[in-house]
Amino acid sequence: MAPWPEYTRFAIALFAILTPFAAIPIYLGLTEGRSKAYRARTADVAAFTVVCVLVFTAFAGDVVLRLVGTSLDSFRVGGGIVLLLMALSMLSAEVSRVQQTPSEKDEAEQREAIGVVPLGLPLIAGPGSISAVIIQMQRGEGLAHQAVITSIIVGIGLMVWASLRLAAPIGARLGRTGLNIINRLFGLLLAAIAVEIIATGLRHLFPGLMG
């Protein structure tokens, strides 16, 4: 197992990446005019999709890295860049094009079922969170390590589910300005995490940098 502070940092990072507060305005917009039952079902499906995708990629990450022939440190740099791009968009209170392009947004508005695509994947569980869980899973070994990572993913997934279920009252209470402030705070946190991941990858790829 990795040191416990590593798991704490991973949990904070994953929540910052998934940041359900950023998904609330999108969720409310895509489900506008729908029944409460439809909104509840969409929230259930989205949260379940997030957990399934992240747990699967966490365990399949090693196979993926081997198939593409890349090292963990190279993946750290690439994943860190993705996280940094997301963080910069969050600081601007915008949805990153890494998560959703304008054409994908237009297509989403025409979909009848949006829980899996685009809400669960890639808006909430996107390239950033997938990179993060793969990197973290590779930082330790053993069943205990795997169990902790899985538990963190499930726990954050439950927070996402609760946030979507309570999207209407949260959105009404905080307003768009309040949600944007929270997104910017998480964006700043995510930017720092992304820089640390990139720096770690570069130090291992280029040992001379440590001098």
C-alpha atoms as a PDB file:
ATOM      1  CA  MET A   1       0.000   0.000   0.000  1.00  0.00           C
ATOM      2  CA  ALA A   2       0.960   3.608  -0.518  1.00  0.00           C
ATOM      3  CA  PRO A   3       1.212   6.012   2.453  1.00  0.00           C
ATOM      4  CA  TRP A   4      -2.195   7.179   3.688  1.00  0.00           C
ATOM      5  CA  PRO A   5      -1.552  10.833   2.782  1.00  0.00           C
ATOM      6  CA  GLU A   6      -1.334   9.667  -0.832  1.00  0.00           C
ATOM      7  CA  TYR A   7      -4.875   8.289  -0.650  1.00  0.00           C
ATOM      8  CA  THR A   8      -6.159  11.465   0.978  1.00  0.00           C
ATOM      9  CA  ARG A   9      -4.607  13.561  -1.758  1.00  0.00           C
ATOM     10  CA  PHE A  10      -6.042  11.242  -4.399  1.00  0.00           C
ATOM     11  CA  ALA A  11      -9.549  11.537  -2.917  1.00  0.00           C
ATOM     12  CA  ILE A  12      -9.336  15.339  -2.901  1.00  0.00           C
ATOM     13  CA  ALA A  13      -7.932  15.361  -6.424  1.00  0.00           C
ATOM     14  CA  LEU A  14     -10.621  13.033  -7.759  1.00  0.00           C
ATOM     15  CA  PHE A  15     -13.383  15.135  -6.215  1.00  0.00           C
ATOM     16  CA  ALA A  16     -11.823  18.259  -7.723  1.00  0.00           C
ATOM     17  CA  ILE A  17     -11.636  16.588 -11.135  1.00  0.00           C
ATOM     18  CA  LEU A  18     -15.173  15.215 -11.077  1.00  0.00           C
ATOM     19  CA  THR A  19     -16.455  18.382  -9.321  1.00  0.00           C
ATOM     20  CA  PRO A  20     -20.182  17.659  -9.526  1.00  0.00           C
ATOM     21  CA  PHE A  21     -20.856  21.370  -8.986  1.00  0.00           C
ATOM     22  CA  ALA A  22     -19.658  21.961 -12.549  1.00  0.00           C
ATOM     23  CA  ALA A  23     -22.102  19.332 -13.808  1.00  0.00           C
ATOM     24  CA  ILE A  24     -25.121  20.822 -12.026  1.00  0.00           C
ATOM     25  CA  PRO A  25     -25.840  23.634 -14.542  1.00  0.00           C
ATOM     26  CA  ILE A  26     -25.362  21.199 -17.448  1.00  0.00           C
ATOM     27  CA  TYR A  27     -27.538  18.569 -15.773  1.00  0.00           C
ATOM     28  CA  LEU A  28     -30.296  21.094 -15.096  1.00  0.00           C
ATOM     29  CA  GLY A  29     -30.094  22.408 -18.659  1.00  0.00           C
ATOM     30  CA  LEU A  30     -30.250  18.965 -20.270  1.00  0.00           C
ATOM     31  CA  THR A  31     -33.156  17.846 -18.065  1.00  0.00           C
ATOM     32  CA  GLU A  32     -35.119  21.094 -18.227  1.00  0.00           C
ATOM     33  CA  GLY A  33     -38.834  20.459 -18.599  1.00  0.00           C
ATOM     34  CA  ARG A  34     -38.472  16.795 -17.675  1.00  0.00           C
ATOM     35  CA  SER A  35     -40.297  15.042 -14.863  1.00  0.00           C
ATOM     36  CA  LYS A  36     -38.778  14.519 -11.418  1.00  0.00           C
ATOM     37  CA  ALA A  37     -38.676  10.771 -12.104  1.00  0.00           C
ATOM     38  CA  TYR A  38     -36.680  11.336 -15.292  1.00  0.00           C
ATOM     39  CA  ARG A  39     -34.218  13.623 -13.487  1.00  0.00           C
ATOM     40  CA  ALA A  40     -33.786  11.131 -10.665  1.00  0.00           C
ATOM     41  CA  ARG A  41     -33.225   8.256 -13.078  1.00  0.00           C
ATOM     42  CA  THR A  42     -30.712  10.324 -15.047  1.00  0.00           C
ATOM     43  CA  ALA A  43     -28.775  11.128 -11.858  1.00  0.00           C
ATOM     44  CA  ASP A  44     -28.736   7.433 -10.892  1.00  0.00           C
ATOM     45  CA  VAL A  45     -27.499   6.327 -14.312  1.00  0.00           C
ATOM     46  CA  ALA A  46     -24.845   9.084 -14.509  1.00  0.00           C
ATOM     47  CA  ALA A  47     -23.377   8.298 -11.090  1.00  0.00           C
ATOM     48  CA  PHE A  48     -23.407   4.551 -11.778  1.00  0.00           C
ATOM     49  CA  THR A  49     -21.655   5.156 -15.103  1.00  0.00           C
ATOM     50  CA  VAL A  50     -18.971   7.255 -13.413  1.00  0.00           C
ATOM     51  CA  VAL A  51     -18.202   4.544 -10.845  1.00  0.00           C
ATOM     52  CA  CYS A  52     -18.187   1.707 -13.403  1.00  0.00           C
ATOM     53  CA  VAL A  53     -15.943   3.564 -15.860  1.00  0.00           C
ATOM     54  CA  LEU A  54     -13.408   4.629 -13.226  1.00  0.00           C
ATOM     55  CA  VAL A  55     -13.242   1.252 -11.466  1.00  0.00           C
ATOM     56  CA  PHE A  56     -12.800  -0.534 -14.789  1.00  0.00           C
ATOM     57  CA  THR A  57     -10.049   1.812 -15.989  1.00  0.00           C
ATOM     58  CA  ALA A  58      -8.307   1.659 -12.609  1.00  0.00           C
ATOM     59  CA  PHE A  59      -7.912  -2.114 -12.943  1.00  0.00           C
ATOM     60  CA  ALA A  60      -7.367  -2.122 -16.711  1.00  0.00           C
ATOM     61  CA  GLY A  61      -4.833   0.701 -16.640  1.00  0.00           C
ATOM     62  CA  ASP A  62      -1.786  -1.563 -16.425  1.00  0.00           C
ATOM     63  CA  VAL A  63      -2.964  -3.533 -19.463  1.00  0.00           C
ATOM     64  CA  VAL A  64      -3.620  -0.315 -21.385  1.00  0.00           C
ATOM     65  CA  LEU A  65      -0.147   1.038 -20.636  1.00  0.00           C
ATOM     66  CA  ARG A  66       1.439  -2.213 -21.774  1.00  0.00           C
ATOM     67  CA  LEU A  67      -0.615  -2.374 -24.974  1.00  0.00           C
ATOM     68  CA  VAL A  68       0.304   1.151 -26.050  1.00  0.00           C
ATOM     69  CA  GLY A  69       3.909   0.637 -24.941  1.00  0.00           C
ATOM     70  CA  THR A  70       4.174   3.700 -22.743  1.00  0.00           C
ATOM     71  CA  SER A  71       5.649   4.136 -19.292  1.00  0.00           C
ATOM     72  CA  LEU A  72       3.788   5.322 -16.215  1.00  0.00           C
ATOM     73  CA  ASP A  73       5.917   8.465 -16.103  1.00  0.00           C
ATOM     74  CA  SER A  74       5.034   9.357 -19.694  1.00  0.00           C
ATOM     75  CA  PHE A  75       1.392   8.807 -18.818  1.00  0.00           C
ATOM     76  CA  ARG A  76       1.835  11.066 -15.784  1.00  0.00           C
ATOM     77  CA  VAL A  77       3.048  13.908 -17.986  1.00  0.00           C
ATOM     78  CA  GLY A  78       0.267  13.391 -20.524  1.00  0.00           C
ATOM     79  CA  GLY A  79      -2.416  12.987 -17.872  1.00  0.00           C
ATOM     80  CA  GLY A  80      -1.102  15.992 -15.986  1.00  0.00           C
ATOM     81  CA  ILE A  81      -1.393  18.142 -19.104  1.00  0.00           C
ATOM     82  CA  VAL A  82      -4.997  17.022 -19.545  1.00  0.00           C
ATOM     83  CA  LEU A  83      -5.739  17.921 -15.915  1.00  0.00           C
ATOM     84  CA  LEU A  84      -4.054  21.298 -16.343  1.00  0.00           C
ATOM     85  CA  LEU A  85      -6.198  22.085 -19.404  1.00  0.00           C
ATOM     86  CA  MET A  86      -9.308  21.176 -17.410  1.00  0.00           C
ATOM     87  CA  ALA A  87      -8.152  23.319 -14.498  1.00  0.00           C
ATOM     88  CA  LEU A  88      -7.632  26.342 -16.745  1.00  0.00           C
ATOM     89  CA  SER A  89     -11.162  25.953 -18.113  1.00  0.00           C
ATOM     90  CA  MET A  90     -12.538  25.654 -14.573  1.00  0.00           C
ATOM     91  CA  LEU A  91     -10.768  28.870 -13.612  1.00  0.00           C
ATOM     92  CA  SER A  92     -12.667  30.496 -16.474  1.00  0.00           C
ATOM     93  CA  ALA A  93     -15.906  28.848 -15.255  1.00  0.00           C
ATOM     94  CA  GLU A  94     -16.200  26.951 -18.532  1.00  0.00           C
ATOM     95  CA  VAL A  95     -16.508  23.319 -19.550  1.00  0.00           C
ATOM     96  CA  SER A  96     -13.186  22.169 -20.985  1.00  0.00           C
ATOM     97  CA  ARG A  97     -13.129  21.127 -24.642  1.00  0.00           C
ATOM     98  CA  VAL A  98     -11.290  18.066 -23.349  1.00  0.00           C
ATOM     99  CA  GLN A  99     -14.590  17.031 -21.770  1.00  0.00           C
ATOM    100  CA  GLN A 100     -17.074  18.238 -24.387  1.00  0.00           C
ATOM    101  CA  THR A 101     -16.813  19.971 -27.750  1.00  0.00           C
ATOM    102  CA  PRO A 102     -19.520  22.316 -29.102  1.00  0.00           C
ATOM    103  CA  SER A 103     -20.689  19.651 -31.579  1.00  0.00           C
ATOM    104  CA  GLU A 104     -21.012  17.112 -28.777  1.00  0.00           C
ATOM    105  CA  LYS A 105     -23.002  19.646 -26.764  1.00  0.00           C
ATOM    106  CA  ASP A 106     -25.433  20.136 -29.649  1.00  0.00           C
ATOM    107  CA  GLU A 107     -25.843  16.379 -30.017  1.00  0.00           C
ATOM    108  CA  ALA A 108     -26.433  15.957 -26.276  1.00  0.00           C
ATOM    109  CA  GLU A 109     -29.341  18.396 -26.368  1.00  0.00           C
ATOM    110  CA  GLN A 110     -31.089  16.129 -28.863  1.00  0.00           C
ATOM    111  CA  ARG A 111     -30.604  12.914 -26.913  1.00  0.00           C
ATOM    112  CA  GLU A 112     -33.484  11.316 -25.075  1.00  0.00           C
ATOM    113  CA  ALA A 113     -31.287   9.412 -22.605  1.00  0.00           C
ATOM    114  CA  ILE A 114     -28.320  11.424 -21.342  1.00  0.00           C
ATOM    115  CA  GLY A 115     -27.325   9.572 -18.160  1.00  0.00           C
ATOM    116  CA  VAL A 116     -24.554   7.504 -19.740  1.00  0.00           C
ATOM    117  CA  VAL A 117     -23.552   9.811 -22.601  1.00  0.00           C
ATOM    118  CA  PRO A 118     -22.768  12.664 -22.320  1.00  0.00           C
ATOM    119  CA  LEU A 119     -23.413  13.252 -18.605  1.00  0.00           C
ATOM    120  CA  GLY A 120     -21.690  10.231 -17.057  1.00  0.00           C
ATOM    121  CA  LEU A 121     -19.102   9.958 -19.823  1.00  0.00           C
ATOM    122  CA  PRO A 122     -17.310  12.204 -20.762  1.00  0.00           C
ATOM    123  CA  LEU A 123     -18.668  15.226 -18.869  1.00  0.00           C
ATOM    124  CA  ILE A 124     -18.166  13.859 -15.353  1.00  0.00           C
ATOM    125  CA  ALA A 125     -15.896  10.840 -15.849  1.00  0.00           C
ATOM    126  CA  GLY A 126     -13.632  12.090 -18.608  1.00  0.00           C
ATOM    127  CA  PRO A 127      -9.969  11.877 -19.659  1.00  0.00           C
ATOM    128  CA  GLY A 128      -8.823  13.724 -16.529  1.00  0.00           C
ATOM    129  CA  SER A 129     -10.397  11.400 -13.976  1.00  0.00           C
ATOM    130  CA  ILE A 130      -9.497   8.308 -16.016  1.00  0.00           C
ATOM    131  CA  SER A 131      -5.841   9.405 -16.102  1.00  0.00           C
ATOM    132  CA  ALA A 132      -5.892  10.131 -12.370  1.00  0.00           C
ATOM    133  CA  VAL A 133      -7.211   6.696 -11.331  1.00  0.00           C
ATOM    134  CA  ILE A 134      -4.796   4.853 -13.625  1.00  0.00           C
ATOM    135  CA  ILE A 135      -1.841   6.798 -12.235  1.00  0.00           C
ATOM    136  CA  GLN A 136      -2.914   6.289  -8.614  1.00  0.00           C
ATOM    137  CA  MET A 137      -3.574   2.570  -9.048  1.00  0.00           C
ATOM    138  CA  GLN A 138      -0.030   2.132 -10.372  1.00  0.00           C
ATOM    139  CA  ARG A 139       1.464   3.829  -7.300  1.00  0.00           C
ATOM    140  CA  GLY A 140       0.885   0.839  -5.023  1.00  0.00           C
ATOM    141  CA  GLU A 141       0.426  -2.905  -4.983  1.00  0.00           C
ATOM    142  CA  GLY A 142      -1.707  -5.496  -3.256  1.00  0.00           C
ATOM    143  CA  LEU A 143      -5.369  -6.117  -2.573  1.00  0.00           C
ATOM    144  CA  ALA A 144      -5.489  -3.531   0.211  1.00  0.00           C
ATOM    145  CA  HIS A 145      -4.259  -0.819  -2.167  1.00  0.00           C
ATOM    146  CA  GLN A 146      -6.822  -1.824  -4.785  1.00  0.00           C
ATOM    147  CA  ALA A 147      -9.588  -1.913  -2.186  1.00  0.00           C
ATOM    148  CA  VAL A 148      -8.773   1.607  -0.954  1.00  0.00           C
ATOM    149  CA  ILE A 149      -8.717   3.028  -4.491  1.00  0.00           C
ATOM    150  CA  THR A 150     -12.026   1.325  -5.294  1.00  0.00           C
ATOM    151  CA  SER A 151     -13.586   2.597  -2.062  1.00  0.00           C
ATOM    152  CA  ILE A 152     -12.498   6.163  -2.840  1.00  0.00           C
ATOM    153  CA  ILE A 153     -13.991   5.940  -6.335  1.00  0.00           C
ATOM    154  CA  VAL A 154     -17.277   4.589  -4.964  1.00  0.00           C
ATOM    155  CA  GLY A 155     -17.341   7.242  -2.226  1.00  0.00           C
ATOM    156  CA  ILE A 156     -16.785  10.101  -4.678  1.00  0.00           C
ATOM    157  CA  GLY A 157     -19.368   8.506  -6.967  1.00  0.00           C
ATOM    158  CA  LEU A 158     -21.911   8.670  -4.151  1.00  0.00           C
ATOM    159  CA  MET A 159     -21.110  12.363  -3.673  1.00  0.00           C
ATOM    160  CA  VAL A 160     -21.686  12.934  -7.387  1.00  0.00           C
ATOM    161  CA  TRP A 161     -24.997  11.073  -7.153  1.00  0.00           C
ATOM    162  CA  ALA A 162     -26.123  13.122  -4.146  1.00  0.00           C
ATOM    163  CA  SER A 163     -25.119  16.382  -5.853  1.00  0.00           C
ATOM    164  CA  LEU A 164     -27.106  15.528  -8.984  1.00  0.00           C
ATOM    165  CA  ARG A 165     -30.120  14.389  -6.984  1.00  0.00           C
ATOM    166  CA  LEU A 166     -30.033  17.717  -5.126  1.00  0.00           C
ATOM    167  CA  ALA A 167     -29.089  19.738  -8.212  1.00  0.00           C
ATOM    168  CA  ALA A 168     -32.271  21.824  -8.256  1.00  0.00           C
ATOM    169  CA  PRO A 169     -32.076  23.094  -4.644  1.00  0.00           C
ATOM    170  CA  ILE A 170     -28.279  23.497  -4.834  1.00  0.00           C
ATOM    171  CA  GLY A 171     -28.559  25.476  -8.065  1.00  0.00           C
ATOM    172  CA  ALA A 172     -31.345  27.623  -6.644  1.00  0.00           C
ATOM    173  CA  ARG A 173     -29.450  28.322  -3.415  1.00  0.00           C
ATOM    174  CA  LEU A 174     -25.997  29.014  -4.861  1.00  0.00           C
ATOM    175  CA  GLY A 175     -27.010  30.445  -8.222  1.00  0.00           C
ATOM    176  CA  ARG A 176     -24.758  30.456 -11.254  1.00  0.00           C
ATOM    177  CA  THR A 177     -22.333  32.882  -9.592  1.00  0.00           C
ATOM    178  CA  GLY A 178     -21.957  30.691  -6.508  1.00  0.00           C
ATOM    179  CA  LEU A 179     -21.377  27.570  -8.623  1.00  0.00           C
ATOM    180  CA  ASN A 180     -18.785  29.416 -10.705  1.00  0.00           C
ATOM    181  CA  ILE A 181     -16.922  30.512  -7.572  1.00  0.00           C
ATOM    182  CA  ILE A 182     -16.770  26.912  -6.340  1.00  0.00           C
ATOM    183  CA  ASN A 183     -15.601  25.713  -9.761  1.00  0.00           C
ATOM    184  CA  ARG A 184     -12.822  28.312  -9.785  1.00  0.00           C
ATOM    185  CA  LEU A 185     -11.648  27.234  -6.344  1.00  0.00           C
ATOM    186  CA  PHE A 186     -11.538  23.601  -7.428  1.00  0.00           C
ATOM    187  CA  GLY A 187      -9.841  24.693 -10.660  1.00  0.00           C
ATOM    188  CA  LEU A 188      -7.040  26.334  -8.691  1.00  0.00           C
ATOM    189  CA  LEU A 189      -6.629  23.191  -6.579  1.00  0.00           C
ATOM    190  CA  LEU A 190      -6.656  20.990  -9.665  1.00  0.00           C
ATOM    191  CA  ALA A 191      -4.030  23.164 -11.383  1.00  0.00           C
ATOM    192  CA  ALA A 192      -1.645  22.665  -8.457  1.00  0.00           C
ATOM    193  CA  ILE A 193      -2.253  18.894  -8.512  1.00  0.00           C
ATOM    194  CA  ALA A 194      -1.703  18.778 -12.287  1.00  0.00           C
ATOM    195  CA  VAL A 195       1.610  20.629 -12.034  1.00  0.00           C
ATOM    196  CA  GLU A 196       2.778  18.215  -9.311  1.00  0.00           C
ATOM    197  CA  ILE A 197       1.872  15.192 -11.455  1.00  0.00           C
ATOM    198  CA  ILE A 198       3.686  16.647 -14.470  1.00  0.00           C
ATOM    199  CA  ALA A 199       6.748  17.503 -12.370  1.00  0.00           C
ATOM    200  CA  THR A 200       6.887  13.981 -10.909  1.00  0.00           C
ATOM    201  CA  GLY A 201       6.708  12.441 -14.366  1.00  0.00           C
ATOM    202  CA  LEU A 202       9.405  14.739 -15.750  1.00  0.00           C
ATOM    203  CA  ARG A 203      11.748  14.046 -12.816  1.00  0.00           C
ATOM    204  CA  HIS A 204      11.566  10.310 -13.502  1.00  0.00           C
ATOM    205  CA  LEU A 205      11.819  10.689 -17.284  1.00  0.00           C
ATOM    206  CA  PHE A 206      14.742  13.103 -17.020  1.00  0.00           C
ATOM    207  CA  PRO A 207      16.712  12.292 -13.854  1.00  0.00           C
ATOM    208  CA  GLY A 208      19.074  15.171 -14.617  1.00  0.00           C
ATOM    209  CA  LEU A 209      16.300  17.577 -13.633  1.00  0.00           C
ATOM    210  CA  MET A 210      16.652  16.441 -10.033  1.00  0.00           C
ATOM    211  CA  GLY A 211      20.063  18.014  -9.894  1.00  0.00           C
END
